[in-house]
Amino acid sequence: MENKDQKLIPPPYEPTLRMIAMPKDTNANGNIFGGWLVSLMDMAAGSAAWRRANGPAVTVAIEKMEFHQPVFVGDEVSCYTHIERVGKTSLTIKVESWVRKRFSATNWVKVTQGTFIFVAIDENHKPRLIPAETE
Protein backbone atom coordinates (compact mmCIF):
# COMPACT_ATOMS: atom_id res chain seq x y z
CA MET A 1 0.00 0.00 0.00
CA GLU A 2 1.49 3.31 -1.10
CA ASN A 3 1.39 6.14 1.43
CA LYS A 4 0.59 9.44 -0.35
CA ASP A 5 2.65 11.60 2.00
CA GLN A 6 5.59 9.17 2.12
CA LYS A 7 8.97 10.90 2.06
CA LEU A 8 11.61 9.78 -0.42
CA ILE A 9 14.41 9.77 2.13
CA PRO A 10 14.55 8.85 5.82
CA PRO A 11 14.86 11.47 8.57
CA PRO A 12 18.07 13.53 8.45
CA TYR A 13 19.41 12.18 11.76
CA GLU A 14 21.03 8.91 12.78
CA PRO A 15 18.76 5.90 13.33
CA THR A 16 18.34 4.62 16.86
CA LEU A 17 18.61 0.99 15.69
CA ARG A 18 19.68 -0.73 12.48
CA MET A 19 19.34 -4.43 11.53
CA ILE A 20 19.51 -6.67 8.45
CA ALA A 21 16.40 -8.81 7.82
CA MET A 22 17.43 -12.48 7.75
CA PRO A 23 15.77 -15.68 6.47
CA LYS A 24 14.93 -16.84 10.02
CA ASP A 25 12.69 -13.74 10.37
CA THR A 26 10.31 -14.68 7.51
CA ASN A 27 6.76 -15.98 7.47
CA ALA A 28 5.41 -18.70 5.15
CA ASN A 29 5.04 -16.15 2.32
CA GLY A 30 8.73 -15.19 2.45
CA ASN A 31 8.09 -11.73 3.89
CA ILE A 32 9.53 -10.58 7.19
CA PHE A 33 7.18 -11.15 10.15
CA GLY A 34 5.37 -7.99 11.23
CA GLY A 35 6.06 -8.99 14.83
CA TRP A 36 9.80 -9.02 14.16
CA LEU A 37 9.57 -5.48 12.86
CA VAL A 38 7.43 -4.35 15.82
CA SER A 39 10.02 -5.82 18.21
CA LEU A 40 12.79 -3.79 16.51
CA MET A 41 10.67 -0.66 16.80
CA ASP A 42 10.02 -1.39 20.48
CA MET A 43 13.76 -1.86 21.13
CA ALA A 44 14.54 1.43 19.38
CA ALA A 45 11.82 3.28 21.32
CA GLY A 46 13.03 1.63 24.53
CA SER A 47 16.56 2.84 23.90
CA ALA A 48 15.33 6.40 23.34
CA ALA A 49 13.09 6.19 26.42
CA TRP A 50 15.94 4.93 28.63
CA ARG A 51 18.22 7.76 27.51
CA ARG A 52 15.60 10.48 28.04
CA ALA A 53 14.29 9.04 31.32
CA ASN A 54 17.86 8.56 32.55
CA GLY A 55 17.14 4.95 33.51
CA PRO A 56 14.73 2.06 33.00
CA ALA A 57 11.45 2.56 31.17
CA VAL A 58 8.92 -0.05 30.06
CA THR A 59 6.47 -0.23 27.17
CA VAL A 60 2.87 0.25 28.30
CA ALA A 61 1.13 0.79 24.95
CA ILE A 62 1.60 0.86 21.20
CA GLU A 63 -0.70 3.21 19.29
CA LYS A 64 -1.32 4.05 15.65
CA MET A 65 0.75 1.19 14.24
CA GLU A 66 0.84 1.30 10.43
CA PHE A 67 2.45 -1.09 7.96
CA HIS A 68 3.06 0.53 4.57
CA GLN A 69 5.29 -1.91 2.67
CA PRO A 70 6.63 -5.45 3.17
CA VAL A 71 10.21 -6.09 4.28
CA PHE A 72 12.29 -8.77 2.54
CA VAL A 73 15.36 -10.81 3.39
CA GLY A 74 18.49 -8.71 2.96
CA ASP A 75 16.75 -5.38 3.46
CA GLU A 76 18.54 -3.08 5.92
CA VAL A 77 15.95 -1.90 8.45
CA SER A 78 16.59 1.42 10.23
CA CYS A 79 14.35 2.59 13.08
CA TYR A 80 14.23 6.34 13.71
CA THR A 81 12.81 7.68 16.97
CA HIS A 82 11.42 11.03 17.97
CA ILE A 83 10.20 11.84 21.49
CA GLU A 84 6.86 13.56 21.01
CA ARG A 85 5.88 14.09 24.64
CA VAL A 86 7.41 13.80 28.08
CA GLY A 87 5.06 13.64 31.05
CA LYS A 88 5.77 13.26 34.75
CA THR A 89 6.43 9.51 34.46
CA SER A 90 5.67 8.68 30.82
CA LEU A 91 7.09 9.28 27.35
CA THR A 92 5.42 9.13 23.95
CA ILE A 93 7.82 8.13 21.21
CA LYS A 94 7.16 8.07 17.46
CA VAL A 95 9.07 5.39 15.56
CA GLU A 96 9.49 5.23 11.78
CA SER A 97 11.06 2.20 10.14
CA TRP A 98 12.75 2.59 6.79
CA VAL A 99 14.49 -0.02 4.66
CA ARG A 100 17.33 0.34 2.25
CA LYS A 101 16.73 -2.31 -0.34
CA ARG A 102 19.32 -5.05 -0.69
CA PHE A 103 22.22 -4.09 -2.97
CA SER A 104 21.10 -0.45 -3.09
CA ALA A 105 22.77 2.61 -1.63
CA THR A 106 19.90 4.99 -2.33
CA ASN A 107 16.61 3.04 -2.61
CA TRP A 108 14.91 3.91 0.71
CA VAL A 109 11.30 2.97 1.54
CA LYS A 110 9.29 3.83 4.65
CA VAL A 111 7.76 0.53 5.77
CA THR A 112 6.15 1.20 9.18
CA GLN A 113 5.40 3.84 11.74
CA GLY A 114 3.95 3.72 15.20
CA THR A 115 3.65 5.51 18.50
CA PHE A 116 5.01 3.84 21.63
CA ILE A 117 4.19 4.85 25.21
CA PHE A 118 6.72 4.14 27.98
CA VAL A 119 6.69 4.62 31.74
CA ALA A 120 9.90 5.25 33.66
CA ILE A 121 10.30 2.79 36.53
CA ASP A 122 12.37 2.56 39.70
CA GLU A 123 14.19 -0.43 41.22
CA ASN A 124 10.84 -1.74 42.55
CA HIS A 125 9.26 -1.55 39.09
CA LYS A 126 7.03 1.34 40.17
CA PRO A 127 6.58 4.53 38.11
CA ARG A 128 9.15 7.23 38.86
CA LEU A 129 9.49 10.86 37.88
CA ILE A 130 11.38 11.65 34.70
CA PRO A 131 14.10 14.22 35.36
CA ALA A 132 14.00 17.59 33.64
CA GLU A 133 15.91 17.66 30.37
CA THR A 134 19.50 18.85 30.68
CA GLU A 135 21.83 19.99 27.95
C-alpha atoms as a PDB file:
ATOM      1  CA  MET A   1       0.000   0.000   0.000  1.00  0.00           C
ATOM      2  CA  GLU A   2       1.488   3.305  -1.095  1.00  0.00           C
ATOM      3  CA  ASN A   3       1.393   6.141   1.427  1.00  0.00           C
ATOM      4  CA  LYS A   4       0.594   9.438  -0.354  1.00  0.00           C
ATOM      5  CA  ASP A   5       2.646  11.600   1.998  1.00  0.00           C
ATOM      6  CA  GLN A   6       5.592   9.173   2.121  1.00  0.00           C
ATOM      7  CA  LYS A   7       8.971  10.902   2.059  1.00  0.00           C
ATOM      8  CA  LEU A   8      11.605   9.779  -0.418  1.00  0.00           C
ATOM      9  CA  ILE A   9      14.413   9.773   2.131  1.00  0.00           C
ATOM     10  CA  PRO A  10      14.547   8.852   5.817  1.00  0.00           C
ATOM     11  CA  PRO A  11      14.864  11.465   8.571  1.00  0.00           C
ATOM     12  CA  PRO A  12      18.073  13.529   8.448  1.00  0.00           C
ATOM     13  CA  TYR A  13      19.407  12.185  11.763  1.00  0.00           C
ATOM     14  CA  GLU A  14      21.035   8.910  12.779  1.00  0.00           C
ATOM     15  CA  PRO A  15      18.761   5.899  13.325  1.00  0.00           C
ATOM     16  CA  THR A  16      18.345   4.617  16.860  1.00  0.00           C
ATOM     17  CA  LEU A  17      18.613   0.992  15.693  1.00  0.00           C
ATOM     18  CA  ARG A  18      19.678  -0.734  12.481  1.00  0.00           C
ATOM     19  CA  MET A  19      19.336  -4.428  11.527  1.00  0.00           C
ATOM     20  CA  ILE A  20      19.506  -6.667   8.446  1.00  0.00           C
ATOM     21  CA  ALA A  21      16.404  -8.805   7.817  1.00  0.00           C
ATOM     22  CA  MET A  22      17.435 -12.478   7.747  1.00  0.00           C
ATOM     23  CA  PRO A  23      15.767 -15.679   6.465  1.00  0.00           C
ATOM     24  CA  LYS A  24      14.931 -16.836  10.022  1.00  0.00           C
ATOM     25  CA  ASP A  25      12.691 -13.743  10.372  1.00  0.00           C
ATOM     26  CA  THR A  26      10.309 -14.681   7.515  1.00  0.00           C
ATOM     27  CA  ASN A  27       6.763 -15.976   7.471  1.00  0.00           C
ATOM     28  CA  ALA A  28       5.412 -18.698   5.152  1.00  0.00           C
ATOM     29  CA  ASN A  29       5.039 -16.147   2.324  1.00  0.00           C
ATOM     30  CA  GLY A  30       8.727 -15.187   2.452  1.00  0.00           C
ATOM     31  CA  ASN A  31       8.089 -11.729   3.890  1.00  0.00           C
ATOM     32  CA  ILE A  32       9.532 -10.583   7.195  1.00  0.00           C
ATOM     33  CA  PHE A  33       7.183 -11.152  10.148  1.00  0.00           C
ATOM     34  CA  GLY A  34       5.373  -7.989  11.226  1.00  0.00           C
ATOM     35  CA  GLY A  35       6.057  -8.993  14.830  1.00  0.00           C
ATOM     36  CA  TRP A  36       9.804  -9.019  14.158  1.00  0.00           C
ATOM     37  CA  LEU A  37       9.575  -5.484  12.863  1.00  0.00           C
ATOM     38  CA  VAL A  38       7.433  -4.348  15.821  1.00  0.00           C
ATOM     39  CA  SER A  39      10.023  -5.817  18.209  1.00  0.00           C
ATOM     40  CA  LEU A  40      12.788  -3.793  16.515  1.00  0.00           C
ATOM     41  CA  MET A  41      10.672  -0.663  16.804  1.00  0.00           C
ATOM     42  CA  ASP A  42      10.022  -1.391  20.482  1.00  0.00           C
ATOM     43  CA  MET A  43      13.755  -1.861  21.129  1.00  0.00           C
ATOM     44  CA  ALA A  44      14.537   1.432  19.377  1.00  0.00           C
ATOM     45  CA  ALA A  45      11.822   3.279  21.316  1.00  0.00           C
ATOM     46  CA  GLY A  46      13.032   1.635  24.534  1.00  0.00           C
ATOM     47  CA  SER A  47      16.558   2.845  23.905  1.00  0.00           C
ATOM     48  CA  ALA A  48      15.326   6.404  23.337  1.00  0.00           C
ATOM     49  CA  ALA A  49      13.087   6.187  26.424  1.00  0.00           C
ATOM     50  CA  TRP A  50      15.941   4.929  28.633  1.00  0.00           C
ATOM     51  CA  ARG A  51      18.223   7.757  27.507  1.00  0.00           C
ATOM     52  CA  ARG A  52      15.600  10.478  28.045  1.00  0.00           C
ATOM     53  CA  ALA A  53      14.292   9.038  31.323  1.00  0.00           C
ATOM     54  CA  ASN A  54      17.862   8.556  32.554  1.00  0.00           C
ATOM     55  CA  GLY A  55      17.140   4.949  33.512  1.00  0.00           C
ATOM     56  CA  PRO A  56      14.728   2.062  32.997  1.00  0.00           C
ATOM     57  CA  ALA A  57      11.454   2.564  31.171  1.00  0.00           C
ATOM     58  CA  VAL A  58       8.920  -0.050  30.058  1.00  0.00           C
ATOM     59  CA  THR A  59       6.466  -0.232  27.173  1.00  0.00           C
ATOM     60  CA  VAL A  60       2.868   0.253  28.304  1.00  0.00           C
ATOM     61  CA  ALA A  61       1.129   0.791  24.946  1.00  0.00           C
ATOM     62  CA  ILE A  62       1.602   0.859  21.199  1.00  0.00           C
ATOM     63  CA  GLU A  63      -0.702   3.211  19.290  1.00  0.00           C
ATOM     64  CA  LYS A  64      -1.320   4.053  15.649  1.00  0.00           C
ATOM     65  CA  MET A  65       0.753   1.185  14.239  1.00  0.00           C
ATOM     66  CA  GLU A  66       0.835   1.304  10.430  1.00  0.00           C
ATOM     67  CA  PHE A  67       2.453  -1.086   7.961  1.00  0.00           C
ATOM     68  CA  HIS A  68       3.063   0.535   4.571  1.00  0.00           C
ATOM     69  CA  GLN A  69       5.291  -1.910   2.672  1.00  0.00           C
ATOM     70  CA  PRO A  70       6.630  -5.455   3.173  1.00  0.00           C
ATOM     71  CA  VAL A  71      10.214  -6.091   4.277  1.00  0.00           C
ATOM     72  CA  PHE A  72      12.288  -8.769   2.545  1.00  0.00           C
ATOM     73  CA  VAL A  73      15.357 -10.811   3.388  1.00  0.00           C
ATOM     74  CA  GLY A  74      18.492  -8.713   2.963  1.00  0.00           C
ATOM     75  CA  ASP A  75      16.754  -5.379   3.465  1.00  0.00           C
ATOM     76  CA  GLU A  76      18.543  -3.077   5.917  1.00  0.00           C
ATOM     77  CA  VAL A  77      15.954  -1.896   8.445  1.00  0.00           C
ATOM     78  CA  SER A  78      16.586   1.422  10.226  1.00  0.00           C
ATOM     79  CA  CYS A  79      14.349   2.593  13.085  1.00  0.00           C
ATOM     80  CA  TYR A  80      14.232   6.340  13.713  1.00  0.00           C
ATOM     81  CA  THR A  81      12.808   7.675  16.966  1.00  0.00           C
ATOM     82  CA  HIS A  82      11.421  11.031  17.972  1.00  0.00           C
ATOM     83  CA  ILE A  83      10.201  11.837  21.493  1.00  0.00           C
ATOM     84  CA  GLU A  84       6.862  13.562  21.009  1.00  0.00           C
ATOM     85  CA  ARG A  85       5.875  14.087  24.639  1.00  0.00           C
ATOM     86  CA  VAL A  86       7.411  13.799  28.085  1.00  0.00           C
ATOM     87  CA  GLY A  87       5.059  13.643  31.048  1.00  0.00           C
ATOM     88  CA  LYS A  88       5.775  13.264  34.751  1.00  0.00           C
ATOM     89  CA  THR A  89       6.432   9.510  34.463  1.00  0.00           C
ATOM     90  CA  SER A  90       5.666   8.675  30.823  1.00  0.00           C
ATOM     91  CA  LEU A  91       7.091   9.280  27.350  1.00  0.00           C
ATOM     92  CA  THR A  92       5.419   9.134  23.953  1.00  0.00           C
ATOM     93  CA  ILE A  93       7.824   8.133  21.207  1.00  0.00           C
ATOM     94  CA  LYS A  94       7.163   8.069  17.464  1.00  0.00           C
ATOM     95  CA  VAL A  95       9.074   5.394  15.557  1.00  0.00           C
ATOM     96  CA  GLU A  96       9.487   5.228  11.781  1.00  0.00           C
ATOM     97  CA  SER A  97      11.062   2.195  10.135  1.00  0.00           C
ATOM     98  CA  TRP A  98      12.755   2.586   6.792  1.00  0.00           C
ATOM     99  CA  VAL A  99      14.488  -0.023   4.660  1.00  0.00           C
ATOM    100  CA  ARG A 100      17.329   0.338   2.254  1.00  0.00           C
ATOM    101  CA  LYS A 101      16.732  -2.314  -0.339  1.00  0.00           C
ATOM    102  CA  ARG A 102      19.323  -5.055  -0.685  1.00  0.00           C
ATOM    103  CA  PHE A 103      22.218  -4.089  -2.970  1.00  0.00           C
ATOM    104  CA  SER A 104      21.097  -0.453  -3.090  1.00  0.00           C
ATOM    105  CA  ALA A 105      22.768   2.605  -1.625  1.00  0.00           C
ATOM    106  CA  THR A 106      19.895   4.987  -2.330  1.00  0.00           C
ATOM    107  CA  ASN A 107      16.612   3.042  -2.613  1.00  0.00           C
ATOM    108  CA  TRP A 108      14.909   3.908   0.711  1.00  0.00           C
ATOM    109  CA  VAL A 109      11.300   2.968   1.538  1.00  0.00           C
ATOM    110  CA  LYS A 110       9.290   3.832   4.650  1.00  0.00           C
ATOM    111  CA  VAL A 111       7.759   0.530   5.773  1.00  0.00           C
ATOM    112  CA  THR A 112       6.154   1.198   9.178  1.00  0.00           C
ATOM    113  CA  GLN A 113       5.402   3.844  11.737  1.00  0.00           C
ATOM    114  CA  GLY A 114       3.947   3.717  15.204  1.00  0.00           C
ATOM    115  CA  THR A 115       3.646   5.510  18.501  1.00  0.00           C
ATOM    116  CA  PHE A 116       5.006   3.836  21.627  1.00  0.00           C
ATOM    117  CA  ILE A 117       4.189   4.845  25.208  1.00  0.00           C
ATOM    118  CA  PHE A 118       6.716   4.137  27.981  1.00  0.00           C
ATOM    119  CA  VAL A 119       6.692   4.618  31.743  1.00  0.00           C
ATOM    120  CA  ALA A 120       9.904   5.246  33.660  1.00  0.00           C
ATOM    121  CA  ILE A 121      10.302   2.787  36.528  1.00  0.00           C
ATOM    122  CA  ASP A 122      12.374   2.563  39.699  1.00  0.00           C
ATOM    123  CA  GLU A 123      14.194  -0.430  41.218  1.00  0.00           C
ATOM    124  CA  ASN A 124      10.844  -1.738  42.553  1.00  0.00           C
ATOM    125  CA  HIS A 125       9.260  -1.546  39.086  1.00  0.00           C
ATOM    126  CA  LYS A 126       7.033   1.337  40.174  1.00  0.00           C
ATOM    127  CA  PRO A 127       6.579   4.527  38.113  1.00  0.00           C
ATOM    128  CA  ARG A 128       9.148   7.228  38.864  1.00  0.00           C
ATOM    129  CA  LEU A 129       9.491  10.864  37.884  1.00  0.00           C
ATOM    130  CA  ILE A 130      11.384  11.645  34.704  1.00  0.00           C
ATOM    131  CA  PRO A 131      14.102  14.220  35.361  1.00  0.00           C
ATOM    132  CA  ALA A 132      14.004  17.587  33.635  1.00  0.00           C
ATOM    133  CA  GLU A 133      15.906  17.657  30.368  1.00  0.00           C
ATOM    134  CA  THR A 134      19.497  18.852  30.682  1.00  0.00           C
ATOM    135  CA  GLU A 135      21.828  19.990  27.951  1.00  0.00           C
END
